[in-house]
Protein backbone atom coordinates (compact mmCIF):
# COMPACT_ATOMS: atom_id res chain seq x y z
CA ARG A 1 13.67 -29.81 -41.42
CA GLY A 2 14.93 -31.61 -44.48
CA ARG A 3 14.79 -28.42 -46.28
CA LYS A 4 17.29 -26.45 -44.23
CA TRP A 5 19.95 -29.22 -44.98
CA TRP A 6 19.22 -28.74 -48.55
CA THR A 7 19.57 -25.09 -48.69
CA VAL A 8 22.97 -25.27 -46.76
CA ALA A 9 24.22 -28.12 -49.16
CA GLY A 10 23.13 -26.13 -51.91
CA VAL A 11 25.08 -22.85 -50.88
CA VAL A 12 28.16 -24.81 -49.98
CA LEU A 13 28.34 -26.61 -53.41
CA THR A 14 27.52 -23.27 -55.18
CA VAL A 15 30.11 -21.33 -53.27
CA LEU A 16 32.65 -24.21 -53.86
CA GLY A 17 31.58 -24.71 -57.64
CA VAL A 18 32.14 -20.76 -58.23
CA LEU A 19 35.63 -21.09 -56.44
CA ALA A 20 36.33 -24.29 -58.45
CA ILE A 21 35.51 -22.46 -61.63
CA PHE A 22 37.92 -19.60 -60.71
CA MET A 23 40.37 -21.93 -59.36
CA PRO A 24 40.13 -25.13 -61.74
CA VAL A 25 43.87 -26.21 -61.19
CA VAL A 26 43.80 -26.15 -57.40
CA MET A 27 40.11 -28.07 -57.68
CA GLY A 28 41.67 -30.54 -60.69
CA ALA A 29 44.88 -31.26 -58.33
CA THR A 30 42.77 -31.77 -55.16
CA ALA A 31 40.28 -33.94 -57.03
CA MET A 32 43.38 -36.19 -57.85
CA LEU A 33 45.21 -35.91 -54.32
CA LEU A 34 41.71 -37.32 -52.82
CA LEU A 35 41.31 -39.93 -55.48
CA GLY A 36 44.87 -41.07 -54.97
CA VAL A 37 44.16 -41.32 -51.24
CA VAL A 38 41.01 -43.31 -51.68
CA LEU A 39 42.89 -45.70 -54.11
CA ILE A 40 45.66 -46.25 -51.60
CA VAL A 41 43.25 -46.89 -48.91
CA SER A 42 41.17 -49.40 -51.27
CA GLY A 43 44.41 -51.03 -52.20
CA VAL A 44 45.76 -51.55 -48.83
CA SER A 45 42.18 -53.04 -47.72
CA GLN A 46 42.36 -55.40 -50.71
CA VAL A 47 45.53 -56.54 -50.16
CA LEU A 48 44.93 -56.94 -46.39
CA HIS A 49 41.71 -59.13 -47.43
CA ALA A 50 43.58 -61.05 -49.97
CA PHE A 51 45.81 -62.36 -47.09
CA ALA A 52 43.17 -62.51 -44.67
CA SER A 53 41.13 -65.12 -46.75
CA ARG A 54 44.14 -66.69 -48.40
CA GLY A 55 42.08 -70.02 -48.80
CA TRP A 56 40.27 -68.40 -51.45
CA GLY A 57 41.33 -69.28 -54.89
CA GLY A 58 41.47 -65.68 -56.15
CA PHE A 59 44.49 -64.91 -53.46
CA ALA A 60 47.05 -63.50 -56.28
CA VAL A 61 44.55 -61.77 -58.54
CA GLN A 62 43.14 -60.01 -55.40
CA LEU A 63 46.62 -59.07 -54.23
CA LEU A 64 47.80 -58.18 -57.51
CA LEU A 65 44.78 -55.73 -57.94
CA GLY A 66 45.18 -54.23 -54.41
CA VAL A 67 48.93 -53.81 -55.50
CA LEU A 68 47.79 -51.94 -58.47
CA TYR A 69 45.36 -49.90 -56.51
CA ALA A 70 47.72 -48.81 -54.02
CA ALA A 71 50.63 -48.15 -56.39
CA VAL A 72 48.27 -45.70 -58.83
CA GLY A 73 46.83 -44.15 -55.69
CA VAL A 74 50.42 -43.39 -54.71
CA LEU A 75 51.01 -41.98 -58.28
CA LEU A 76 48.11 -39.71 -58.35
CA ALA A 77 48.75 -38.38 -54.55
CA THR A 78 52.26 -37.61 -55.17
CA GLN A 79 51.91 -36.62 -59.00
CA PRO A 80 48.46 -34.92 -59.27
CA LEU A 81 49.23 -32.88 -62.37
CA ALA A 82 50.31 -36.10 -64.27
CA GLY A 83 47.12 -37.62 -63.26
CA LEU A 84 45.23 -34.65 -64.41
CA VAL A 85 46.74 -35.03 -67.96
CA ALA A 86 46.07 -38.83 -67.83
CA MET A 87 42.38 -38.12 -66.58
CA THR A 88 41.66 -35.54 -69.48
CA LEU A 89 42.71 -37.69 -72.11
CA ILE A 90 40.41 -40.61 -70.47
CA VAL A 91 37.54 -37.71 -70.25
CA ALA A 92 37.97 -36.63 -73.89
CA ILE A 93 37.93 -40.37 -75.36
CA PHE A 94 34.99 -41.15 -73.13
CA LEU A 95 33.10 -37.99 -74.41
CA PHE A 96 34.11 -38.62 -77.87
CA VAL A 97 32.76 -42.44 -77.96
CA ASP A 98 29.72 -41.39 -76.16
CA GLY A 99 28.71 -38.91 -78.52
CA ALA A 100 29.10 -41.23 -81.55
CA VAL A 101 27.14 -43.84 -79.74
CA ARG A 102 24.60 -41.49 -78.91
CA LEU A 103 24.48 -40.05 -82.31
CA ALA A 104 24.33 -43.51 -83.71
CA LEU A 105 21.53 -44.53 -81.83
CA ALA A 106 19.66 -41.05 -82.49
CA PHE A 107 20.28 -42.02 -86.23
CA ARG A 108 18.82 -45.46 -85.81
CA ILE A 109 15.55 -44.09 -84.07
CA LYS A 110 15.21 -41.16 -86.43
CA GLY A 111 11.62 -39.82 -86.36
CA ALA A 112 10.85 -40.99 -83.04
CA PRO A 113 10.00 -38.59 -80.11
CA GLY A 114 13.14 -37.05 -78.82
CA TRP A 115 15.55 -38.38 -81.27
CA GLY A 116 16.56 -34.95 -82.24
CA PHE A 117 17.57 -34.28 -78.28
CA LEU A 118 19.53 -37.34 -78.39
CA ALA A 119 21.41 -36.58 -81.53
CA ALA A 120 21.69 -32.94 -80.05
CA GLY A 121 23.28 -34.13 -76.98
CA GLY A 122 25.38 -36.75 -79.01
CA LEU A 123 26.68 -34.10 -81.14
CA LEU A 124 27.63 -31.82 -78.13
CA SER A 125 29.28 -34.63 -76.60
CA LEU A 126 31.16 -35.81 -79.45
CA LEU A 127 32.40 -32.04 -80.27
CA LEU A 128 33.37 -31.39 -76.54
CA GLY A 129 35.50 -34.71 -76.38
CA LEU A 130 37.07 -33.49 -79.58
CA ILE A 131 38.10 -30.10 -78.29
CA ILE A 132 39.41 -31.27 -75.02
CA TYR A 133 41.19 -33.81 -76.92
CA LEU A 134 42.48 -30.89 -79.36
CA GLY A 135 43.84 -28.99 -76.33
CA TRP A 136 45.38 -32.03 -75.01
CA PRO A 137 47.90 -32.22 -73.02
CA GLY A 138 48.26 -28.39 -72.50
CA ASP A 139 44.60 -27.74 -71.36
CA SER A 140 44.79 -30.87 -68.73
CA ILE A 141 45.89 -28.66 -66.01
CA TRP A 142 42.44 -26.95 -65.97
CA VAL A 143 39.89 -28.92 -67.92
CA ILE A 144 39.03 -31.69 -64.83
CA GLY A 145 38.86 -28.81 -62.15
CA MET A 146 36.35 -26.78 -64.36
CA PHE A 147 34.16 -29.88 -65.12
CA ILE A 148 34.09 -30.27 -61.50
CA GLY A 149 33.41 -26.79 -60.65
CA ILE A 150 30.52 -26.51 -63.25
CA ASP A 151 29.06 -29.67 -61.95
CA MET A 152 29.35 -28.49 -58.26
CA LEU A 153 27.54 -24.99 -59.47
CA ILE A 154 25.00 -27.06 -60.75
CA TRP A 155 24.18 -29.20 -58.21
CA GLY A 156 24.11 -26.33 -55.85
CA VAL A 157 21.81 -24.26 -57.64
CA THR A 158 19.56 -27.41 -58.30
CA LEU A 159 19.45 -27.98 -54.50
CA LEU A 160 18.53 -24.41 -53.93
CA GLY A 161 15.90 -24.42 -56.45
CA LEU A 162 14.37 -27.59 -54.81
CA SER A 163 14.88 -26.09 -51.30
CA SER A 164 12.79 -23.23 -52.71
CA ALA A 165 10.03 -25.05 -54.17
CA LEU A 166 9.84 -26.94 -50.88
CA ALA A 167 9.12 -24.05 -49.12
CA ARG A 168 6.58 -22.79 -51.36
CA HIS A 169 4.99 -26.29 -51.37
CA PRO A 170 5.31 -27.97 -47.80
CA ARG A 171 4.88 -31.33 -47.57
CA PRO A 172 1.03 -32.36 -46.07
CA ARG A 173 1.27 -33.66 -42.42
CA LYS A 174 0.09 -37.14 -42.18
CA GLU A 175 -3.20 -37.28 -40.35
CA THR A 176 -3.71 -39.66 -37.43
CA TYR A 177 -6.02 -42.17 -37.52
CA GLU A 178 -8.65 -42.35 -34.73
CA PRO A 179 -11.08 -45.34 -35.04
CA ALA A 180 -14.68 -43.79 -34.59
CA THR A 181 -15.99 -44.90 -31.05
CA PRO A 182 -19.41 -46.96 -30.91
CA ALA A 183 -22.17 -44.50 -30.09
CA ALA A 184 -23.81 -45.18 -26.64
CA GLY A 185 -27.13 -46.66 -27.16
C-alpha cells in the first residue's frame, strides 16, 4: 500500500525535476513567489499573535519581526527575480563557508577513517560556492531553479529505487499470537 505512494511521489518528483532543470528560471521564480507567500502568511500570523498576546513583554519584538517577515514576503512575491539574485548570493556564501569549514575539519582529523571523503566534499562545496559567486549576479536567474530541479530529480529517482526495492523485498506480515489451549485430559 505505501509502495504505491512512493512510486507516485517518485514519478512526480522525477518529472518535475526534469522540467525544472530545463526551465530553471521558471522554477526559481516560482520558488521565490512561494517563499514570498509563506513569509507573508507567517508575518501576518505573527502580527496577529503579537496583538492577541499584547500583555506579554515581547510585543514590540514580535510585531517588528512579523512586519519584517511580511515585508520580505511582499518583496519576494512581487520581485521574484530580485529575490533570486539575493538568494543566489546567500547560497554561494553558504557553500563557500561550508566547504571551508569541512576542509578545515577534514585536515584536523587527517588520517581518520573517511577524512578523505570529508575533504573531497568540502573542496567540492567550496569550489561550487566560488563558481556561483564568480557568475553572480548574471547566473542568478537560473542557479536556484537548477539546484531545485536537480534535488527534485535525485529525490524522485531515490523514491522510485526504494519503491522498487520494497517490491522485491516485501515486509513480512505480522503473525498473530494465539495462546495454546490446554490439552483436555
